[in-house]
Amino acid sequence: MFRPGTDELNVQYEDVLCNFCQRAWDPDDPSRPFVEGHHGSHICGECLSLAYLATVLEGRDDRRVGETCTMCLIEPDLPFWRSPEFPDARICRACVKRSSGTLEKDKDYSWKPPCL
């Protein structure tokens, strides 16, 4: 997501927020990687770790009928993780896995998915 009032023709790093915790992206901070989804959605590495733990490792499902994934904008028949801080922000297990693969391969970050 973008900070309210962001000039879409002049987006700055601090305008890019994680949809799930609303912290700003800092490209100079290797501990805060971000992945972009559709229509300006973003998830930070910390929230992605929580989502991975919940949906992939624990099999938790916070999905509600009729809701779509914040990242892919579809309503898959898969478990969702919902942000505890911002309940309208949710990510499906497919996006969790896809985003995890993206971050794990990114040489600028040392992000790894959590394990039990």
N, C-alpha and C. Protein backbone atom coordinates (compact mmCIF):
# COMPACT_ATOMS: atom_id res chain seq x y z
N MET A 1 0.85 -1.16 0.00
CA MET A 1 0.00 0.00 0.00
C MET A 1 0.89 1.23 0.00
N PHE A 2 0.29 2.34 -0.29
CA PHE A 2 1.03 3.58 -0.27
C PHE A 2 0.47 4.49 0.81
N ARG A 3 1.36 5.26 1.39
CA ARG A 3 0.96 6.21 2.41
C ARG A 3 -0.13 7.12 1.84
N PRO A 4 -1.17 7.41 2.61
CA PRO A 4 -2.21 8.31 2.12
C PRO A 4 -1.60 9.64 1.67
N GLY A 5 -2.04 10.13 0.51
CA GLY A 5 -1.55 11.38 -0.03
C GLY A 5 -0.32 11.23 -0.91
N THR A 6 0.11 10.00 -1.16
CA THR A 6 1.29 9.76 -1.99
C THR A 6 1.06 10.25 -3.41
N ASP A 7 2.02 10.97 -3.94
CA ASP A 7 1.99 11.40 -5.33
C ASP A 7 2.41 10.20 -6.17
N GLU A 8 1.46 9.58 -6.87
CA GLU A 8 1.75 8.35 -7.61
C GLU A 8 2.72 8.57 -8.76
N LEU A 9 2.97 9.81 -9.14
CA LEU A 9 3.96 10.10 -10.17
C LEU A 9 5.35 10.34 -9.57
N ASN A 10 5.41 10.36 -8.23
CA ASN A 10 6.68 10.61 -7.54
C ASN A 10 6.72 9.83 -6.22
N VAL A 11 6.56 8.51 -6.30
CA VAL A 11 6.54 7.67 -5.10
C VAL A 11 7.95 7.58 -4.52
N GLN A 12 8.06 7.85 -3.23
CA GLN A 12 9.33 7.75 -2.50
C GLN A 12 9.32 6.47 -1.69
N TYR A 13 10.50 6.00 -1.30
CA TYR A 13 10.58 4.76 -0.52
C TYR A 13 9.70 4.81 0.73
N GLU A 14 9.73 5.93 1.42
CA GLU A 14 8.97 6.04 2.66
C GLU A 14 7.45 6.05 2.42
N ASP A 15 7.03 6.18 1.17
CA ASP A 15 5.61 6.12 0.82
C ASP A 15 5.10 4.68 0.70
N VAL A 16 6.02 3.74 0.56
CA VAL A 16 5.66 2.33 0.37
C VAL A 16 5.51 1.68 1.75
N LEU A 17 4.31 1.20 2.05
CA LEU A 17 4.01 0.61 3.35
C LEU A 17 3.61 -0.85 3.21
N CYS A 18 3.95 -1.63 4.21
CA CYS A 18 3.46 -3.01 4.28
C CYS A 18 1.97 -2.96 4.58
N ASN A 19 1.17 -3.67 3.81
CA ASN A 19 -0.27 -3.69 4.04
C ASN A 19 -0.63 -4.34 5.38
N PHE A 20 0.27 -5.13 5.93
CA PHE A 20 -0.05 -5.96 7.08
C PHE A 20 0.39 -5.36 8.42
N CYS A 21 1.38 -4.45 8.39
CA CYS A 21 1.81 -3.77 9.62
C CYS A 21 1.95 -2.27 9.43
N GLN A 22 1.91 -1.82 8.18
CA GLN A 22 1.97 -0.42 7.77
C GLN A 22 3.30 0.26 8.13
N ARG A 23 4.37 -0.54 8.25
CA ARG A 23 5.70 0.05 8.39
C ARG A 23 6.22 0.40 7.01
N ALA A 24 7.01 1.46 6.94
CA ALA A 24 7.56 1.92 5.66
C ALA A 24 8.73 1.05 5.23
N TRP A 25 8.90 0.97 3.92
CA TRP A 25 10.02 0.25 3.33
C TRP A 25 11.26 1.13 3.40
N ASP A 26 12.36 0.53 3.80
CA ASP A 26 13.65 1.20 3.79
C ASP A 26 14.61 0.31 3.02
N PRO A 27 14.89 0.63 1.77
CA PRO A 27 15.74 -0.24 0.95
C PRO A 27 17.16 -0.37 1.48
N ASP A 28 17.57 0.52 2.37
CA ASP A 28 18.91 0.45 2.95
C ASP A 28 18.96 -0.43 4.19
N ASP A 29 17.81 -0.92 4.63
CA ASP A 29 17.75 -1.79 5.80
C ASP A 29 17.55 -3.23 5.34
N PRO A 30 18.62 -4.04 5.33
CA PRO A 30 18.50 -5.41 4.84
C PRO A 30 17.61 -6.31 5.71
N SER A 31 17.25 -5.83 6.89
CA SER A 31 16.38 -6.64 7.74
C SER A 31 14.90 -6.41 7.44
N ARG A 32 14.58 -5.49 6.51
CA ARG A 32 13.18 -5.19 6.19
C ARG A 32 12.92 -5.36 4.69
N PRO A 33 13.04 -6.57 4.19
CA PRO A 33 12.73 -6.77 2.77
C PRO A 33 11.23 -6.63 2.52
N PHE A 34 10.87 -6.29 1.29
CA PHE A 34 9.47 -6.13 0.88
C PHE A 34 9.23 -6.91 -0.39
N VAL A 35 8.02 -7.42 -0.54
CA VAL A 35 7.56 -8.04 -1.79
C VAL A 35 6.32 -7.29 -2.23
N GLU A 36 6.23 -7.02 -3.53
CA GLU A 36 5.08 -6.30 -4.07
C GLU A 36 4.09 -7.28 -4.68
N GLY A 37 2.82 -7.05 -4.41
CA GLY A 37 1.74 -7.83 -5.02
C GLY A 37 1.06 -7.00 -6.09
N HIS A 38 -0.22 -7.25 -6.30
CA HIS A 38 -0.98 -6.52 -7.32
C HIS A 38 -1.50 -5.19 -6.78
N HIS A 39 -1.62 -4.23 -7.67
CA HIS A 39 -2.21 -2.92 -7.38
C HIS A 39 -1.61 -2.24 -6.16
N GLY A 40 -0.28 -2.31 -6.04
CA GLY A 40 0.41 -1.59 -4.98
C GLY A 40 0.36 -2.24 -3.61
N SER A 41 0.01 -3.50 -3.55
CA SER A 41 0.04 -4.19 -2.25
C SER A 41 1.47 -4.63 -1.96
N HIS A 42 1.83 -4.64 -0.67
CA HIS A 42 3.18 -5.00 -0.25
C HIS A 42 3.11 -5.79 1.05
N ILE A 43 4.10 -6.68 1.22
CA ILE A 43 4.26 -7.37 2.50
C ILE A 43 5.74 -7.34 2.86
N CYS A 44 6.03 -7.04 4.11
CA CYS A 44 7.42 -7.01 4.57
C CYS A 44 7.84 -8.41 5.01
N GLY A 45 9.12 -8.61 5.14
CA GLY A 45 9.65 -9.91 5.52
C GLY A 45 9.16 -10.39 6.87
N GLU A 46 8.99 -9.48 7.81
CA GLU A 46 8.52 -9.86 9.14
C GLU A 46 7.09 -10.40 9.08
N CYS A 47 6.22 -9.71 8.39
CA CYS A 47 4.84 -10.17 8.25
C CYS A 47 4.78 -11.45 7.42
N LEU A 48 5.63 -11.54 6.41
CA LEU A 48 5.67 -12.76 5.59
C LEU A 48 6.08 -13.95 6.44
N SER A 49 7.01 -13.77 7.35
CA SER A 49 7.41 -14.85 8.26
C SER A 49 6.24 -15.30 9.12
N LEU A 50 5.47 -14.35 9.64
CA LEU A 50 4.29 -14.69 10.45
C LEU A 50 3.25 -15.44 9.61
N ALA A 51 3.04 -14.98 8.39
CA ALA A 51 2.08 -15.62 7.49
C ALA A 51 2.53 -17.03 7.11
N TYR A 52 3.82 -17.20 6.87
CA TYR A 52 4.37 -18.51 6.52
C TYR A 52 4.20 -19.49 7.69
N LEU A 53 4.55 -19.04 8.86
CA LEU A 53 4.40 -19.88 10.05
C LEU A 53 2.95 -20.32 10.23
N ALA A 54 2.03 -19.38 10.07
CA ALA A 54 0.61 -19.69 10.29
C ALA A 54 0.02 -20.59 9.22
N THR A 55 0.21 -20.24 7.93
CA THR A 55 -0.48 -20.97 6.86
C THR A 55 0.26 -22.21 6.39
N VAL A 56 1.58 -22.15 6.32
CA VAL A 56 2.35 -23.29 5.78
C VAL A 56 2.71 -24.28 6.88
N LEU A 57 3.26 -23.78 7.98
CA LEU A 57 3.74 -24.70 9.02
C LEU A 57 2.66 -25.15 9.99
N GLU A 58 1.76 -24.23 10.36
CA GLU A 58 0.71 -24.57 11.32
C GLU A 58 -0.61 -24.95 10.68
N GLY A 59 -0.79 -24.61 9.42
CA GLY A 59 -2.03 -24.93 8.71
C GLY A 59 -3.22 -24.11 9.17
N ARG A 60 -2.97 -22.98 9.79
CA ARG A 60 -4.06 -22.12 10.25
C ARG A 60 -4.76 -21.48 9.06
N ASP A 61 -6.05 -21.19 9.22
CA ASP A 61 -6.82 -20.57 8.14
C ASP A 61 -7.73 -19.49 8.70
N ASP A 62 -7.42 -18.24 8.38
CA ASP A 62 -8.22 -17.09 8.83
C ASP A 62 -9.17 -16.61 7.74
N ARG A 63 -9.40 -17.45 6.74
CA ARG A 63 -10.22 -17.06 5.58
C ARG A 63 -11.69 -16.93 5.98
N ARG A 64 -12.35 -15.99 5.33
CA ARG A 64 -13.80 -15.82 5.47
C ARG A 64 -14.39 -15.83 4.07
N VAL A 65 -15.56 -16.39 3.93
CA VAL A 65 -16.22 -16.50 2.63
C VAL A 65 -16.34 -15.13 1.98
N GLY A 66 -16.00 -15.07 0.70
CA GLY A 66 -16.15 -13.84 -0.07
C GLY A 66 -14.97 -12.90 -0.02
N GLU A 67 -13.97 -13.20 0.79
CA GLU A 67 -12.81 -12.32 0.88
C GLU A 67 -11.76 -12.69 -0.17
N THR A 68 -11.03 -11.69 -0.58
CA THR A 68 -9.95 -11.92 -1.54
C THR A 68 -8.61 -11.66 -0.86
N CYS A 69 -7.58 -12.22 -1.44
CA CYS A 69 -6.21 -12.03 -0.96
C CYS A 69 -5.77 -10.61 -1.32
N THR A 70 -5.16 -9.93 -0.37
CA THR A 70 -4.66 -8.58 -0.59
C THR A 70 -3.57 -8.55 -1.66
N MET A 71 -2.81 -9.62 -1.76
CA MET A 71 -1.67 -9.64 -2.69
C MET A 71 -2.05 -10.02 -4.11
N CYS A 72 -2.88 -11.05 -4.29
CA CYS A 72 -3.21 -11.51 -5.65
C CYS A 72 -4.61 -11.11 -6.10
N LEU A 73 -5.42 -10.62 -5.18
CA LEU A 73 -6.77 -10.11 -5.46
C LEU A 73 -7.75 -11.18 -5.91
N ILE A 74 -7.46 -12.45 -5.62
CA ILE A 74 -8.43 -13.50 -5.94
C ILE A 74 -8.91 -14.16 -4.65
N GLU A 75 -9.93 -14.97 -4.79
CA GLU A 75 -10.49 -15.69 -3.66
C GLU A 75 -10.17 -17.18 -3.82
N PRO A 76 -8.93 -17.55 -3.54
CA PRO A 76 -8.56 -18.95 -3.71
C PRO A 76 -9.13 -19.81 -2.58
N ASP A 77 -9.29 -21.07 -2.85
CA ASP A 77 -9.75 -22.00 -1.84
C ASP A 77 -8.53 -22.52 -1.07
N LEU A 78 -7.85 -21.59 -0.44
CA LEU A 78 -6.63 -21.89 0.30
C LEU A 78 -6.68 -21.17 1.64
N PRO A 79 -5.89 -21.62 2.60
CA PRO A 79 -5.82 -20.90 3.87
C PRO A 79 -5.31 -19.47 3.68
N PHE A 80 -5.81 -18.59 4.51
CA PHE A 80 -5.39 -17.20 4.55
C PHE A 80 -4.74 -16.91 5.89
N TRP A 81 -3.82 -15.96 5.90
CA TRP A 81 -3.34 -15.35 7.14
C TRP A 81 -3.87 -13.93 7.15
N ARG A 82 -4.38 -13.52 8.28
CA ARG A 82 -4.94 -12.18 8.45
C ARG A 82 -4.06 -11.41 9.42
N SER A 83 -3.73 -10.18 9.08
CA SER A 83 -2.94 -9.34 9.97
C SER A 83 -3.69 -9.13 11.28
N PRO A 84 -3.04 -9.36 12.41
CA PRO A 84 -3.72 -9.11 13.69
C PRO A 84 -3.95 -7.62 13.92
N GLU A 85 -3.12 -6.77 13.31
CA GLU A 85 -3.25 -5.32 13.50
C GLU A 85 -4.24 -4.68 12.54
N PHE A 86 -4.28 -5.22 11.31
CA PHE A 86 -5.12 -4.65 10.25
C PHE A 86 -5.91 -5.79 9.60
N PRO A 87 -7.05 -6.18 10.18
CA PRO A 87 -7.78 -7.37 9.74
C PRO A 87 -8.24 -7.38 8.29
N ASP A 88 -8.26 -6.22 7.64
CA ASP A 88 -8.64 -6.20 6.22
C ASP A 88 -7.47 -6.64 5.33
N ALA A 89 -6.29 -6.77 5.90
CA ALA A 89 -5.11 -7.23 5.16
C ALA A 89 -4.96 -8.73 5.36
N ARG A 90 -5.01 -9.48 4.25
CA ARG A 90 -4.92 -10.93 4.34
C ARG A 90 -4.15 -11.45 3.12
N ILE A 91 -3.48 -12.58 3.32
CA ILE A 91 -2.67 -13.15 2.26
C ILE A 91 -2.94 -14.66 2.20
N CYS A 92 -3.12 -15.17 0.98
CA CYS A 92 -3.39 -16.60 0.82
C CYS A 92 -2.08 -17.39 0.86
N ARG A 93 -2.19 -18.67 1.14
CA ARG A 93 -1.01 -19.53 1.23
C ARG A 93 -0.20 -19.55 -0.07
N ALA A 94 -0.86 -19.49 -1.22
CA ALA A 94 -0.14 -19.47 -2.50
C ALA A 94 0.75 -18.23 -2.59
N CYS A 95 0.24 -17.09 -2.19
CA CYS A 95 1.04 -15.86 -2.21
C CYS A 95 2.14 -15.89 -1.16
N VAL A 96 1.86 -16.51 -0.03
CA VAL A 96 2.88 -16.67 1.00
C VAL A 96 4.05 -17.47 0.43
N LYS A 97 3.74 -18.59 -0.22
CA LYS A 97 4.80 -19.43 -0.79
C LYS A 97 5.53 -18.72 -1.93
N ARG A 98 4.79 -18.06 -2.79
CA ARG A 98 5.39 -17.33 -3.92
C ARG A 98 6.29 -16.20 -3.42
N SER A 99 5.80 -15.44 -2.47
CA SER A 99 6.58 -14.33 -1.92
C SER A 99 7.81 -14.84 -1.17
N SER A 100 7.65 -15.95 -0.48
CA SER A 100 8.79 -16.55 0.23
C SER A 100 9.88 -16.95 -0.75
N GLY A 101 9.50 -17.56 -1.86
CA GLY A 101 10.47 -17.94 -2.88
C GLY A 101 11.18 -16.73 -3.46
N THR A 102 10.43 -15.66 -3.66
CA THR A 102 11.00 -14.43 -4.20
C THR A 102 12.04 -13.85 -3.25
N LEU A 103 11.69 -13.73 -1.96
CA LEU A 103 12.62 -13.15 -1.00
C LEU A 103 13.82 -14.05 -0.75
N GLU A 104 13.59 -15.33 -0.72
CA GLU A 104 14.69 -16.25 -0.44
C GLU A 104 15.76 -16.20 -1.55
N LYS A 105 15.34 -15.93 -2.77
CA LYS A 105 16.27 -15.86 -3.91
C LYS A 105 16.94 -14.49 -4.05
N ASP A 106 16.40 -13.47 -3.39
CA ASP A 106 16.91 -12.12 -3.54
C ASP A 106 18.26 -11.98 -2.82
N LYS A 107 19.29 -11.71 -3.57
CA LYS A 107 20.65 -11.63 -3.03
C LYS A 107 20.86 -10.40 -2.13
N ASP A 108 19.98 -9.44 -2.20
CA ASP A 108 20.11 -8.24 -1.36
C ASP A 108 19.66 -8.48 0.08
N TYR A 109 18.99 -9.59 0.31
CA TYR A 109 18.46 -9.89 1.64
C TYR A 109 18.86 -11.30 2.06
N SER A 110 18.85 -11.52 3.35
CA SER A 110 19.18 -12.86 3.87
C SER A 110 17.92 -13.52 4.45
N TRP A 111 16.76 -13.15 3.93
CA TRP A 111 15.50 -13.67 4.46
C TRP A 111 15.37 -15.16 4.15
N LYS A 112 14.93 -15.90 5.14
CA LYS A 112 14.63 -17.33 4.99
C LYS A 112 13.29 -17.59 5.64
N PRO A 113 12.52 -18.54 5.10
CA PRO A 113 11.23 -18.86 5.75
C PRO A 113 11.49 -19.50 7.11
N PRO A 114 10.58 -19.27 8.03
CA PRO A 114 10.75 -19.86 9.37
C PRO A 114 10.55 -21.37 9.32
N CYS A 115 11.04 -22.04 10.34
CA CYS A 115 10.82 -23.47 10.48
C CYS A 115 10.43 -23.75 11.92
N LEU A 116 9.75 -24.86 12.12
CA LEU A 116 9.34 -25.22 13.50
C LEU A 116 10.46 -25.88 14.23
